[in-house]
Amino acid sequence: MSEHRGPDDRSDPPRPTSSGRSSERRRPPPAPVEHPEATTVLVLGILGLVLCQVLGVVAWVKGNRVIAEIDRSGGRYGARSAANAGRICGMVATLITVGAIVLVVLVALLTAGSSSTGAGGPAR
């Protein structure tokens, strides 16, 4: 006579995996830990935009290094998007600073050139 299992009997034998062992529950890989300097890069980038543009250069350089470390970590470190956002803010702050310096130098050259030739007019 065949063995009859009722609807409440759910004792299925373990299924073998490709390696021949019974299937065990695999643990998911550990969640990546936030890189310790990712938030620092983001804060430096924002401060570079808002307060002191010199911090933008620091955020840009530090952001490049942090992103490279995150990429090399093999999934151990996270927060790449925060580090990248800080790096981009640093780039923008640096470009604004360079643009402002070029503008100041250009205005200084134009005003110095116009004041030497047009103040009193040519002598007769």
PDB file of N, CA and C in Angstrom:
ATOM      1  N   MET A   1       0.821  -1.163   0.000  1.00  0.00           N
ATOM      2  CA  MET A   1       0.000   0.000   0.000  1.00  0.00           C
ATOM      3  C   MET A   1       0.885   1.253   0.000  1.00  0.00           C
ATOM      4  N   SER A   2       0.518   2.312  -0.740  1.00  0.00           N
ATOM      5  CA  SER A   2       1.319   3.521  -0.833  1.00  0.00           C
ATOM      6  C   SER A   2       1.061   4.405   0.382  1.00  0.00           C
ATOM      7  N   GLU A   3       2.103   5.142   0.710  1.00  0.00           N
ATOM      8  CA  GLU A   3       1.992   6.033   1.856  1.00  0.00           C
ATOM      9  C   GLU A   3       1.259   7.293   1.411  1.00  0.00           C
ATOM     10  N   HIS A   4       0.250   7.693   2.172  1.00  0.00           N
ATOM     11  CA  HIS A   4      -0.548   8.871   1.833  1.00  0.00           C
ATOM     12  C   HIS A   4      -0.166  10.007   2.762  1.00  0.00           C
ATOM     13  N   ARG A   5       0.116  11.143   2.174  1.00  0.00           N
ATOM     14  CA  ARG A   5       0.431  12.328   2.976  1.00  0.00           C
ATOM     15  C   ARG A   5      -0.757  13.261   2.962  1.00  0.00           C
ATOM     16  N   GLY A   6      -1.065  13.774   4.097  1.00  0.00           N
ATOM     17  CA  GLY A   6      -2.178  14.720   4.208  1.00  0.00           C
ATOM     18  C   GLY A   6      -1.731  16.116   3.831  1.00  0.00           C
ATOM     19  N   PRO A   7      -2.677  17.043   3.732  1.00  0.00           N
ATOM     20  CA  PRO A   7      -2.329  18.422   3.342  1.00  0.00           C
ATOM     21  C   PRO A   7      -1.481  19.137   4.378  1.00  0.00           C
ATOM     22  N   ASP A   8      -1.491  18.661   5.629  1.00  0.00           N
ATOM     23  CA  ASP A   8      -0.692  19.319   6.658  1.00  0.00           C
ATOM     24  C   ASP A   8       0.731  18.790   6.734  1.00  0.00           C
ATOM     25  N   ASP A   9       1.007  17.690   6.043  1.00  0.00           N
ATOM     26  CA  ASP A   9       2.334  17.106   6.091  1.00  0.00           C
ATOM     27  C   ASP A   9       3.202  17.739   5.002  1.00  0.00           C
ATOM     28  N   ARG A  10       4.105  18.634   5.404  1.00  0.00           N
ATOM     29  CA  ARG A  10       4.928  19.373   4.446  1.00  0.00           C
ATOM     30  C   ARG A  10       6.394  19.024   4.620  1.00  0.00           C
ATOM     31  N   SER A  11       6.678  17.859   5.040  1.00  0.00           N
ATOM     32  CA  SER A  11       8.073  17.486   5.275  1.00  0.00           C
ATOM     33  C   SER A  11       8.698  16.971   3.983  1.00  0.00           C
ATOM     34  N   ASP A  12       8.973  17.880   3.071  1.00  0.00           N
ATOM     35  CA  ASP A  12       9.639  17.520   1.823  1.00  0.00           C
ATOM     36  C   ASP A  12      11.109  17.262   2.102  1.00  0.00           C
ATOM     37  N   PRO A  13      11.664  16.285   1.458  1.00  0.00           N
ATOM     38  CA  PRO A  13      13.101  16.061   1.653  1.00  0.00           C
ATOM     39  C   PRO A  13      13.887  17.206   1.041  1.00  0.00           C
ATOM     40  N   PRO A  14      15.071  17.498   1.591  1.00  0.00           N
ATOM     41  CA  PRO A  14      15.878  18.584   1.012  1.00  0.00           C
ATOM     42  C   PRO A  14      16.271  18.267  -0.415  1.00  0.00           C
ATOM     43  N   ARG A  15      16.248  19.294  -1.233  1.00  0.00           N
ATOM     44  CA  ARG A  15      16.582  19.130  -2.656  1.00  0.00           C
ATOM     45  C   ARG A  15      18.083  19.258  -2.834  1.00  0.00           C
ATOM     46  N   PRO A  16      18.652  18.367  -3.607  1.00  0.00           N
ATOM     47  CA  PRO A  16      20.103  18.494  -3.818  1.00  0.00           C
ATOM     48  C   PRO A  16      20.409  19.664  -4.743  1.00  0.00           C
ATOM     49  N   THR A  17      21.528  20.312  -4.497  1.00  0.00           N
ATOM     50  CA  THR A  17      21.981  21.404  -5.357  1.00  0.00           C
ATOM     51  C   THR A  17      22.919  20.840  -6.408  1.00  0.00           C
ATOM     52  N   SER A  18      23.496  21.691  -7.209  1.00  0.00           N
ATOM     53  CA  SER A  18      24.378  21.219  -8.278  1.00  0.00           C
ATOM     54  C   SER A  18      25.623  20.536  -7.708  1.00  0.00           C
ATOM     55  N   SER A  19      25.996  20.873  -6.476  1.00  0.00           N
ATOM     56  CA  SER A  19      27.170  20.230  -5.893  1.00  0.00           C
ATOM     57  C   SER A  19      26.833  18.897  -5.249  1.00  0.00           C
ATOM     58  N   GLY A  20      25.543  18.534  -5.212  1.00  0.00           N
ATOM     59  CA  GLY A  20      25.134  17.260  -4.665  1.00  0.00           C
ATOM     60  C   GLY A  20      24.735  17.336  -3.199  1.00  0.00           C
ATOM     61  N   ARG A  21      24.989  18.462  -2.557  1.00  0.00           N
ATOM     62  CA  ARG A  21      24.607  18.606  -1.163  1.00  0.00           C
ATOM     63  C   ARG A  21      23.177  19.095  -1.065  1.00  0.00           C
ATOM     64  N   SER A  22      22.560  18.844   0.064  1.00  0.00           N
ATOM     65  CA  SER A  22      21.193  19.324   0.234  1.00  0.00           C
ATOM     66  C   SER A  22      21.217  20.845   0.345  1.00  0.00           C
ATOM     67  N   SER A  23      20.159  21.450  -0.124  1.00  0.00           N
ATOM     68  CA  SER A  23      20.126  22.899  -0.185  1.00  0.00           C
ATOM     69  C   SER A  23      20.013  23.480   1.218  1.00  0.00           C
ATOM     70  N   GLU A  24      20.887  24.378   1.499  1.00  0.00           N
ATOM     71  CA  GLU A  24      20.840  25.126   2.739  1.00  0.00           C
ATOM     72  C   GLU A  24      20.500  26.541   2.371  1.00  0.00           C
ATOM     73  N   ARG A  25      19.929  27.222   3.295  1.00  0.00           N
ATOM     74  CA  ARG A  25      19.618  28.622   3.020  1.00  0.00           C
ATOM     75  C   ARG A  25      20.910  29.410   2.956  1.00  0.00           C
ATOM     76  N   ARG A  26      21.082  30.070   1.848  1.00  0.00           N
ATOM     77  CA  ARG A  26      22.289  30.867   1.683  1.00  0.00           C
ATOM     78  C   ARG A  26      22.036  32.249   2.257  1.00  0.00           C
ATOM     79  N   ARG A  27      23.010  32.722   2.935  1.00  0.00           N
ATOM     80  CA  ARG A  27      22.903  34.056   3.504  1.00  0.00           C
ATOM     81  C   ARG A  27      23.224  35.071   2.413  1.00  0.00           C
ATOM     82  N   PRO A  28      22.471  36.146   2.397  1.00  0.00           N
ATOM     83  CA  PRO A  28      22.812  37.181   1.413  1.00  0.00           C
ATOM     84  C   PRO A  28      24.140  37.816   1.803  1.00  0.00           C
ATOM     85  N   PRO A  29      24.837  38.370   0.833  1.00  0.00           N
ATOM     86  CA  PRO A  29      26.108  39.020   1.170  1.00  0.00           C
ATOM     87  C   PRO A  29      25.855  40.183   2.123  1.00  0.00           C
ATOM     88  N   PRO A  30      26.820  40.494   2.955  1.00  0.00           N
ATOM     89  CA  PRO A  30      26.608  41.587   3.905  1.00  0.00           C
ATOM     90  C   PRO A  30      26.415  42.907   3.167  1.00  0.00           C
ATOM     91  N   ALA A  31      25.586  43.749   3.741  1.00  0.00           N
ATOM     92  CA  ALA A  31      25.328  45.057   3.136  1.00  0.00           C
ATOM     93  C   ALA A  31      26.616  45.880   3.185  1.00  0.00           C
ATOM     94  N   PRO A  32      26.878  46.651   2.134  1.00  0.00           N
ATOM     95  CA  PRO A  32      28.107  47.455   2.144  1.00  0.00           C
ATOM     96  C   PRO A  32      28.058  48.512   3.241  1.00  0.00           C
ATOM     97  N   VAL A  33      29.200  48.757   3.815  1.00  0.00           N
ATOM     98  CA  VAL A  33      29.344  49.780   4.843  1.00  0.00           C
ATOM     99  C   VAL A  33      29.630  51.101   4.142  1.00  0.00           C
ATOM    100  N   GLU A  34      29.038  52.174   4.644  1.00  0.00           N
ATOM    101  CA  GLU A  34      29.281  53.486   4.052  1.00  0.00           C
ATOM    102  C   GLU A  34      30.755  53.853   4.211  1.00  0.00           C
ATOM    103  N   HIS A  35      31.348  54.342   3.125  1.00  0.00           N
ATOM    104  CA  HIS A  35      32.750  54.752   3.183  1.00  0.00           C
ATOM    105  C   HIS A  35      32.881  55.862   4.229  1.00  0.00           C
ATOM    106  N   PRO A  36      33.900  55.798   5.081  1.00  0.00           N
ATOM    107  CA  PRO A  36      33.995  56.771   6.168  1.00  0.00           C
ATOM    108  C   PRO A  36      34.173  58.222   5.720  1.00  0.00           C
ATOM    109  N   GLU A  37      34.587  58.456   4.483  1.00  0.00           N
ATOM    110  CA  GLU A  37      34.817  59.835   4.035  1.00  0.00           C
ATOM    111  C   GLU A  37      33.814  60.298   2.984  1.00  0.00           C
ATOM    112  N   ALA A  38      32.816  59.488   2.656  1.00  0.00           N
ATOM    113  CA  ALA A  38      31.857  59.867   1.615  1.00  0.00           C
ATOM    114  C   ALA A  38      31.041  61.086   2.035  1.00  0.00           C
ATOM    115  N   THR A  39      30.576  61.107   3.277  1.00  0.00           N
ATOM    116  CA  THR A  39      29.797  62.246   3.748  1.00  0.00           C
ATOM    117  C   THR A  39      30.662  63.495   3.836  1.00  0.00           C
ATOM    118  N   THR A  40      31.921  63.327   4.206  1.00  0.00           N
ATOM    119  CA  THR A  40      32.837  64.471   4.268  1.00  0.00           C
ATOM    120  C   THR A  40      32.991  65.115   2.897  1.00  0.00           C
ATOM    121  N   VAL A  41      33.109  64.298   1.869  1.00  0.00           N
ATOM    122  CA  VAL A  41      33.242  64.828   0.506  1.00  0.00           C
ATOM    123  C   VAL A  41      31.978  65.587   0.112  1.00  0.00           C
ATOM    124  N   LEU A  42      30.821  65.046   0.463  1.00  0.00           N
ATOM    125  CA  LEU A  42      29.560  65.716   0.136  1.00  0.00           C
ATOM    126  C   LEU A  42      29.465  67.066   0.848  1.00  0.00           C
ATOM    127  N   VAL A  43      29.805  67.097   2.126  1.00  0.00           N
ATOM    128  CA  VAL A  43      29.745  68.358   2.886  1.00  0.00           C
ATOM    129  C   VAL A  43      30.741  69.370   2.331  1.00  0.00           C
ATOM    130  N   LEU A  44      31.950  68.921   2.016  1.00  0.00           N
ATOM    131  CA  LEU A  44      32.943  69.837   1.441  1.00  0.00           C
ATOM    132  C   LEU A  44      32.477  70.395   0.096  1.00  0.00           C
ATOM    133  N   GLY A  45      31.847  69.539  -0.720  1.00  0.00           N
ATOM    134  CA  GLY A  45      31.351  70.007  -2.013  1.00  0.00           C
ATOM    135  C   GLY A  45      30.258  71.058  -1.865  1.00  0.00           C
ATOM    136  N   ILE A  46      29.343  70.832  -0.927  1.00  0.00           N
ATOM    137  CA  ILE A  46      28.259  71.805  -0.711  1.00  0.00           C
ATOM    138  C   ILE A  46      28.816  73.103  -0.144  1.00  0.00           C
ATOM    139  N   LEU A  47      29.726  72.997   0.830  1.00  0.00           N
ATOM    140  CA  LEU A  47      30.340  74.211   1.373  1.00  0.00           C
ATOM    141  C   LEU A  47      31.155  74.951   0.315  1.00  0.00           C
ATOM    142  N   GLY A  48      31.762  74.211  -0.589  1.00  0.00           N
ATOM    143  CA  GLY A  48      32.500  74.839  -1.681  1.00  0.00           C
ATOM    144  C   GLY A  48      31.588  75.647  -2.589  1.00  0.00           C
ATOM    145  N   LEU A  49      30.374  75.171  -2.788  1.00  0.00           N
ATOM    146  CA  LEU A  49      29.418  75.917  -3.613  1.00  0.00           C
ATOM    147  C   LEU A  49      28.867  77.136  -2.885  1.00  0.00           C
ATOM    148  N   VAL A  50      28.615  76.992  -1.596  1.00  0.00           N
ATOM    149  CA  VAL A  50      27.877  78.018  -0.865  1.00  0.00           C
ATOM    150  C   VAL A  50      28.785  79.050  -0.200  1.00  0.00           C
ATOM    151  N   LEU A  51      29.825  78.595   0.480  1.00  0.00           N
ATOM    152  CA  LEU A  51      30.600  79.512   1.311  1.00  0.00           C
ATOM    153  C   LEU A  51      31.985  79.845   0.771  1.00  0.00           C
ATOM    154  N   CYS A  52      32.804  78.833   0.638  1.00  0.00           N
ATOM    155  CA  CYS A  52      34.215  79.051   0.324  1.00  0.00           C
ATOM    156  C   CYS A  52      34.603  78.167  -0.846  1.00  0.00           C
ATOM    157  N   GLN A  53      34.772  78.766  -2.002  1.00  0.00           N
ATOM    158  CA  GLN A  53      35.001  77.995  -3.213  1.00  0.00           C
ATOM    159  C   GLN A  53      36.309  77.227  -3.189  1.00  0.00           C
ATOM    160  N   VAL A  54      37.244  77.587  -2.351  1.00  0.00           N
ATOM    161  CA  VAL A  54      38.497  76.850  -2.257  1.00  0.00           C
ATOM    162  C   VAL A  54      38.234  75.421  -1.791  1.00  0.00           C
ATOM    163  N   LEU A  55      37.200  75.227  -0.983  1.00  0.00           N
ATOM    164  CA  LEU A  55      36.848  73.879  -0.532  1.00  0.00           C
ATOM    165  C   LEU A  55      36.385  73.003  -1.689  1.00  0.00           C
ATOM    166  N   GLY A  56      35.968  73.610  -2.781  1.00  0.00           N
ATOM    167  CA  GLY A  56      35.559  72.844  -3.952  1.00  0.00           C
ATOM    168  C   GLY A  56      36.702  72.023  -4.526  1.00  0.00           C
ATOM    169  N   VAL A  57      37.888  72.591  -4.532  1.00  0.00           N
ATOM    170  CA  VAL A  57      39.060  71.858  -5.029  1.00  0.00           C
ATOM    171  C   VAL A  57      39.340  70.662  -4.130  1.00  0.00           C
ATOM    172  N   VAL A  58      39.225  70.882  -2.814  1.00  0.00           N
ATOM    173  CA  VAL A  58      39.462  69.793  -1.859  1.00  0.00           C
ATOM    174  C   VAL A  58      38.426  68.683  -2.065  1.00  0.00           C
ATOM    175  N   ALA A  59      37.162  69.068  -2.248  1.00  0.00           N
ATOM    176  CA  ALA A  59      36.096  68.081  -2.456  1.00  0.00           C
ATOM    177  C   ALA A  59      36.324  67.305  -3.750  1.00  0.00           C
ATOM    178  N   TRP A  60      36.774  67.982  -4.783  1.00  0.00           N
ATOM    179  CA  TRP A  60      37.021  67.334  -6.074  1.00  0.00           C
ATOM    180  C   TRP A  60      38.128  66.286  -5.952  1.00  0.00           C
ATOM    181  N   VAL A  61      39.247  66.669  -5.361  1.00  0.00           N
ATOM    182  CA  VAL A  61      40.390  65.760  -5.232  1.00  0.00           C
ATOM    183  C   VAL A  61      40.061  64.603  -4.287  1.00  0.00           C
ATOM    184  N   LYS A  62      39.492  64.938  -3.136  1.00  0.00           N
ATOM    185  CA  LYS A  62      39.153  63.911  -2.152  1.00  0.00           C
ATOM    186  C   LYS A  62      38.059  62.991  -2.701  1.00  0.00           C
ATOM    187  N   GLY A  63      37.107  63.552  -3.445  1.00  0.00           N
ATOM    188  CA  GLY A  63      36.046  62.753  -4.045  1.00  0.00           C
ATOM    189  C   GLY A  63      36.574  61.750  -5.049  1.00  0.00           C
ATOM    190  N   ASN A  64      37.553  62.152  -5.848  1.00  0.00           N
ATOM    191  CA  ASN A  64      38.174  61.215  -6.795  1.00  0.00           C
ATOM    192  C   ASN A  64      38.809  60.036  -6.060  1.00  0.00           C
ATOM    193  N   ARG A  65      39.487  60.338  -4.955  1.00  0.00           N
ATOM    194  CA  ARG A  65      40.157  59.283  -4.188  1.00  0.00           C
ATOM    195  C   ARG A  65      39.145  58.347  -3.527  1.00  0.00           C
ATOM    196  N   VAL A  66      38.092  58.910  -2.936  1.00  0.00           N
ATOM    197  CA  VAL A  66      37.082  58.096  -2.250  1.00  0.00           C
ATOM    198  C   VAL A  66      36.336  57.206  -3.242  1.00  0.00           C
ATOM    199  N   ILE A  67      35.980  57.745  -4.392  1.00  0.00           N
ATOM    200  CA  ILE A  67      35.274  56.946  -5.405  1.00  0.00           C
ATOM    201  C   ILE A  67      36.169  55.805  -5.894  1.00  0.00           C
ATOM    202  N   ALA A  68      37.459  56.078  -6.069  1.00  0.00           N
ATOM    203  CA  ALA A  68      38.376  55.006  -6.479  1.00  0.00           C
ATOM    204  C   ALA A  68      38.462  53.921  -5.402  1.00  0.00           C
ATOM    205  N   GLU A  69      38.489  54.316  -4.139  1.00  0.00           N
ATOM    206  CA  GLU A  69      38.524  53.328  -3.051  1.00  0.00           C
ATOM    207  C   GLU A  69      37.240  52.502  -3.002  1.00  0.00           C
ATOM    208  N   ILE A  70      36.103  53.145  -3.225  1.00  0.00           N
ATOM    209  CA  ILE A  70      34.829  52.419  -3.226  1.00  0.00           C
ATOM    210  C   ILE A  70      34.792  51.424  -4.378  1.00  0.00           C
ATOM    211  N   ASP A  71      35.261  51.841  -5.543  1.00  0.00           N
ATOM    212  CA  ASP A  71      35.260  50.948  -6.704  1.00  0.00           C
ATOM    213  C   ASP A  71      36.203  49.763  -6.506  1.00  0.00           C
ATOM    214  N   ARG A  72      37.333  49.980  -5.838  1.00  0.00           N
ATOM    215  CA  ARG A  72      38.289  48.900  -5.602  1.00  0.00           C
ATOM    216  C   ARG A  72      37.876  47.971  -4.459  1.00  0.00           C
ATOM    217  N   SER A  73      36.917  48.389  -3.628  1.00  0.00           N
ATOM    218  CA  SER A  73      36.573  47.610  -2.431  1.00  0.00           C
ATOM    219  C   SER A  73      35.796  46.342  -2.749  1.00  0.00           C
ATOM    220  N   GLY A  74      35.298  46.178  -3.940  1.00  0.00           N
ATOM    221  CA  GLY A  74      34.563  44.970  -4.292  1.00  0.00           C
ATOM    222  C   GLY A  74      33.219  44.852  -3.588  1.00  0.00           C
ATOM    223  N   GLY A  75      32.571  45.948  -3.324  1.00  0.00           N
ATOM    224  CA  GLY A  75      31.258  45.909  -2.684  1.00  0.00           C
ATOM    225  C   GLY A  75      31.304  46.045  -1.175  1.00  0.00           C
ATOM    226  N   ARG A  76      32.493  46.162  -0.607  1.00  0.00           N
ATOM    227  CA  ARG A  76      32.603  46.302   0.842  1.00  0.00           C
ATOM    228  C   ARG A  76      32.178  47.697   1.289  1.00  0.00           C
ATOM    229  N   TYR A  77      32.480  48.709   0.477  1.00  0.00           N
ATOM    230  CA  TYR A  77      32.105  50.088   0.798  1.00  0.00           C
ATOM    231  C   TYR A  77      30.958  50.537  -0.088  1.00  0.00           C
ATOM    232  N   GLY A  78      30.100  51.375   0.480  1.00  0.00           N
ATOM    233  CA  GLY A  78      28.985  51.952  -0.262  1.00  0.00           C
ATOM    234  C   GLY A  78      29.074  53.468  -0.221  1.00  0.00           C
ATOM    235  N   ALA A  79      27.965  54.124  -0.487  1.00  0.00           N
ATOM    236  CA  ALA A  79      27.825  55.587  -0.489  1.00  0.00           C
ATOM    237  C   ALA A  79      28.593  56.226  -1.633  1.00  0.00           C
ATOM    238  N   ARG A  80      28.685  55.523  -2.751  1.00  0.00           N
ATOM    239  CA  ARG A  80      29.364  56.075  -3.924  1.00  0.00           C
ATOM    240  C   ARG A  80      28.622  57.296  -4.454  1.00  0.00           C
ATOM    241  N   SER A  81      27.281  57.265  -4.388  1.00  0.00           N
ATOM    242  CA  SER A  81      26.508  58.388  -4.926  1.00  0.00           C
ATOM    243  C   SER A  81      26.737  59.663  -4.112  1.00  0.00           C
ATOM    244  N   ALA A  82      26.877  59.548  -2.794  1.00  0.00           N
ATOM    245  CA  ALA A  82      27.148  60.730  -1.968  1.00  0.00           C
ATOM    246  C   ALA A  82      28.526  61.300  -2.292  1.00  0.00           C
ATOM    247  N   ALA A  83      29.511  60.423  -2.433  1.00  0.00           N
ATOM    248  CA  ALA A  83      30.862  60.882  -2.772  1.00  0.00           C
ATOM    249  C   ALA A  83      30.880  61.511  -4.163  1.00  0.00           C
ATOM    250  N   ASN A  84      30.145  60.937  -5.094  1.00  0.00           N
ATOM    251  CA  ASN A  84      30.105  61.476  -6.453  1.00  0.00           C
ATOM    252  C   ASN A  84      29.396  62.832  -6.476  1.00  0.00           C
ATOM    253  N   ALA A  85      28.329  62.973  -5.705  1.00  0.00           N
ATOM    254  CA  ALA A  85      27.631  64.263  -5.648  1.00  0.00           C
ATOM    255  C   ALA A  85      28.541  65.339  -5.067  1.00  0.00           C
ATOM    256  N   GLY A  86      29.296  64.996  -4.020  1.00  0.00           N
ATOM    257  CA  GLY A  86      30.239  65.958  -3.449  1.00  0.00           C
ATOM    258  C   GLY A  86      31.342  66.323  -4.416  1.00  0.00           C
ATOM    259  N   ARG A  87      31.817  65.331  -5.162  1.00  0.00           N
ATOM    260  CA  ARG A  87      32.859  65.588  -6.166  1.00  0.00           C
ATOM    261  C   ARG A  87      32.337  66.523  -7.254  1.00  0.00           C
ATOM    262  N   ILE A  88      31.115  66.301  -7.714  1.00  0.00           N
ATOM    263  CA  ILE A  88      30.541  67.158  -8.755  1.00  0.00           C
ATOM    264  C   ILE A  88      30.327  68.575  -8.222  1.00  0.00           C
ATOM    265  N   CYS A  89      29.853  68.706  -6.989  1.00  0.00           N
ATOM    266  CA  CYS A  89      29.719  70.041  -6.388  1.00  0.00           C
ATOM    267  C   CYS A  89      31.080  70.728  -6.317  1.00  0.00           C
ATOM    268  N   GLY A  90      32.114  69.958  -5.996  1.00  0.00           N
ATOM    269  CA  GLY A  90      33.464  70.518  -5.963  1.00  0.00           C
ATOM    270  C   GLY A  90      33.930  70.982  -7.331  1.00  0.00           C
ATOM    271  N   MET A  91      33.589  70.212  -8.366  1.00  0.00           N
ATOM    272  CA  MET A  91      33.950  70.620  -9.731  1.00  0.00           C
ATOM    273  C   MET A  91      33.266  71.929 -10.103  1.00  0.00           C
ATOM    274  N   VAL A  92      31.980  72.027  -9.800  1.00  0.00           N
ATOM    275  CA  VAL A  92      31.225  73.243 -10.125  1.00  0.00           C
ATOM    276  C   VAL A  92      31.794  74.436  -9.362  1.00  0.00           C
ATOM    277  N   ALA A  93      32.073  74.247  -8.069  1.00  0.00           N
ATOM    278  CA  ALA A  93      32.633  75.337  -7.267  1.00  0.00           C
ATOM    279  C   ALA A  93      33.991  75.783  -7.821  1.00  0.00           C
ATOM    280  N   THR A  94      34.793  74.822  -8.257  1.00  0.00           N
ATOM    281  CA  THR A  94      36.102  75.154  -8.829  1.00  0.00           C
ATOM    282  C   THR A  94      35.955  75.920 -10.132  1.00  0.00           C
ATOM    283  N   LEU A  95      35.031  75.486 -10.978  1.00  0.00           N
ATOM    284  CA  LEU A  95      34.809  76.200 -12.243  1.00  0.00           C
ATOM    285  C   LEU A  95      34.289  77.614 -12.004  1.00  0.00           C
ATOM    286  N   ILE A  96      33.431  77.780 -11.010  1.00  0.00           N
ATOM    287  CA  ILE A  96      32.941  79.126 -10.677  1.00  0.00           C
ATOM    288  C   ILE A  96      34.104  79.990 -10.202  1.00  0.00           C
ATOM    289  N   THR A  97      34.977  79.445  -9.386  1.00  0.00           N
ATOM    290  CA  THR A  97      36.134  80.194  -8.883  1.00  0.00           C
ATOM    291  C   THR A  97      37.063  80.608 -10.016  1.00  0.00           C
ATOM    292  N   VAL A  98      37.375  79.663 -10.895  1.00  0.00           N
ATOM    293  CA  VAL A  98      38.260  79.971 -12.022  1.00  0.00           C
ATOM    294  C   VAL A  98      37.607  81.020 -12.927  1.00  0.00           C
ATOM    295  N   GLY A  99      36.317  80.883 -13.175  1.00  0.00           N
ATOM    296  CA  GLY A  99      35.607  81.873 -13.992  1.00  0.00           C
ATOM    297  C   GLY A  99      35.629  83.257 -13.364  1.00  0.00           C
ATOM    298  N   ALA A 100      35.444  83.319 -12.046  1.00  0.00           N
ATOM    299  CA  ALA A 100      35.471  84.613 -11.359  1.00  0.00           C
ATOM    300  C   ALA A 100      36.862  85.234 -11.417  1.00  0.00           C
ATOM    301  N   ILE A 101      37.901  84.426 -11.258  1.00  0.00           N
ATOM    302  CA  ILE A 101      39.271  84.948 -11.323  1.00  0.00           C
ATOM    303  C   ILE A 101      39.570  85.478 -12.721  1.00  0.00           C
ATOM    304  N   VAL A 102      39.175  84.744 -13.744  1.00  0.00           N
ATOM    305  CA  VAL A 102      39.391  85.190 -15.125  1.00  0.00           C
ATOM    306  C   VAL A 102      38.632  86.491 -15.381  1.00  0.00           C
ATOM    307  N   LEU A 103      37.421  86.591 -14.881  1.00  0.00           N
ATOM    308  CA  LEU A 103      36.619  87.799 -15.067  1.00  0.00           C
ATOM    309  C   LEU A 103      37.258  89.004 -14.376  1.00  0.00           C
ATOM    310  N   VAL A 104      37.755  88.819 -13.155  1.00  0.00           N
ATOM    311  CA  VAL A 104      38.400  89.917 -12.424  1.00  0.00           C
ATOM    312  C   VAL A 104      39.663  90.376 -13.151  1.00  0.00           C
ATOM    313  N   VAL A 105      40.464  89.416 -13.621  1.00  0.00           N
ATOM    314  CA  VAL A 105      41.690  89.779 -14.342  1.00  0.00           C
ATOM    315  C   VAL A 105      41.346  90.503 -15.639  1.00  0.00           C
ATOM    316  N   LEU A 106      40.335  90.035 -16.350  1.00  0.00           N
ATOM    317  CA  LEU A 106      39.926  90.670 -17.601  1.00  0.00           C
ATOM    318  C   LEU A 106      39.429  92.096 -17.367  1.00  0.00           C
ATOM    319  N   VAL A 107      38.617  92.303 -16.348  1.00  0.00           N
ATOM    320  CA  VAL A 107      38.122  93.649 -16.035  1.00  0.00           C
ATOM    321  C   VAL A 107      39.277  94.549 -15.604  1.00  0.00           C
ATOM    322  N   ALA A 108      40.202  94.010 -14.817  1.00  0.00           N
ATOM    323  CA  ALA A 108      41.351  94.818 -14.384  1.00  0.00           C
ATOM    324  C   ALA A 108      42.206  95.240 -15.580  1.00  0.00           C
ATOM    325  N   LEU A 109      42.407  94.321 -16.514  1.00  0.00           N
ATOM    326  CA  LEU A 109      43.192  94.672 -17.697  1.00  0.00           C
ATOM    327  C   LEU A 109      42.484  95.702 -18.562  1.00  0.00           C
ATOM    328  N   LEU A 110      41.180  95.566 -18.715  1.00  0.00           N
ATOM    329  CA  LEU A 110      40.430  96.525 -19.536  1.00  0.00           C
ATOM    330  C   LEU A 110      40.383  97.903 -18.902  1.00  0.00           C
ATOM    331  N   THR A 111      40.194  97.960 -17.595  1.00  0.00           N
ATOM    332  CA  THR A 111      40.144  99.281 -16.951  1.00  0.00           C
ATOM    333  C   THR A 111      41.528  99.922 -16.903  1.00  0.00           C
ATOM    334  N   ALA A 112      42.578  99.134 -16.730  1.00  0.00           N
ATOM    335  CA  ALA A 112      43.934  99.699 -16.723  1.00  0.00           C
ATOM    336  C   ALA A 112      44.301 100.211 -18.108  1.00  0.00           C
ATOM    337  N   GLY A 113      43.883  99.527 -19.139  1.00  0.00           N
ATOM    338  CA  GLY A 113      44.189  99.952 -20.502  1.00  0.00           C
ATOM    339  C   GLY A 113      43.416 101.197 -20.908  1.00  0.00           C
ATOM    340  N   SER A 114      42.174 101.326 -20.457  1.00  0.00           N
ATOM    341  CA  SER A 114      41.378 102.486 -20.856  1.00  0.00           C
ATOM    342  C   SER A 114      41.750 103.726 -20.056  1.00  0.00           C
ATOM    343  N   SER A 115      42.218 103.590 -18.845  1.00  0.00           N
ATOM    344  CA  SER A 115      42.551 104.775 -18.045  1.00  0.00           C
ATOM    345  C   SER A 115      43.870 105.397 -18.475  1.00  0.00           C
ATOM    346  N   SER A 116      44.772 104.650 -19.068  1.00  0.00           N
ATOM    347  CA  SER A 116      46.063 105.222 -19.478  1.00  0.00           C
ATOM    348  C   SER A 116      45.967 105.985 -20.780  1.00  0.00           C
ATOM    349  N   THR A 117      44.975 105.684 -21.635  1.00  0.00           N
ATOM    350  CA  THR A 117      44.922 106.382 -22.915  1.00  0.00           C
ATOM    351  C   THR A 117      43.809 107.413 -23.000  1.00  0.00           C
ATOM    352  N   GLY A 118      42.768 107.302 -22.218  1.00  0.00           N
ATOM    353  CA  GLY A 118      41.653 108.205 -22.441  1.00  0.00           C
ATOM    354  C   GLY A 118      41.398 109.201 -21.351  1.00  0.00           C
ATOM    355  N   ALA A 119      42.274 109.406 -20.387  1.00  0.00           N
ATOM    356  CA  ALA A 119      41.954 110.286 -19.269  1.00  0.00           C
ATOM    357  C   ALA A 119      42.001 111.750 -19.677  1.00  0.00           C
ATOM    358  N   GLY A 120      43.068 112.209 -20.235  1.00  0.00           N
ATOM    359  CA  GLY A 120      43.195 113.611 -20.566  1.00  0.00           C
ATOM    360  C   GLY A 120      43.077 113.890 -22.046  1.00  0.00           C
ATOM    361  N   GLY A 121      43.019 112.887 -22.823  1.00  0.00           N
ATOM    362  CA  GLY A 121      42.987 113.063 -24.258  1.00  0.00           C
ATOM    363  C   GLY A 121      44.394 113.258 -24.801  1.00  0.00           C
ATOM    364  N   PRO A 122      44.541 113.231 -26.096  1.00  0.00           N
ATOM    365  CA  PRO A 122      45.890 113.388 -26.665  1.00  0.00           C
ATOM    366  C   PRO A 122      46.395 114.838 -26.521  1.00  0.00           C
ATOM    367  N   ALA A 123      47.670 114.969 -26.317  1.00  0.00           N
ATOM    368  CA  ALA A 123      48.269 116.295 -26.184  1.00  0.00           C
ATOM    369  C   ALA A 123      48.482 116.906 -27.569  1.00  0.00           C
ATOM    370  N   ARG A 124      48.255 118.285 -27.701  1.00  0.00           N
ATOM    371  CA  ARG A 124      48.400 118.948 -29.005  1.00  0.00           C
ATOM    372  C   ARG A 124      49.556 119.858 -29.043  1.00  0.00           C
TER     373      ARG A 124
END
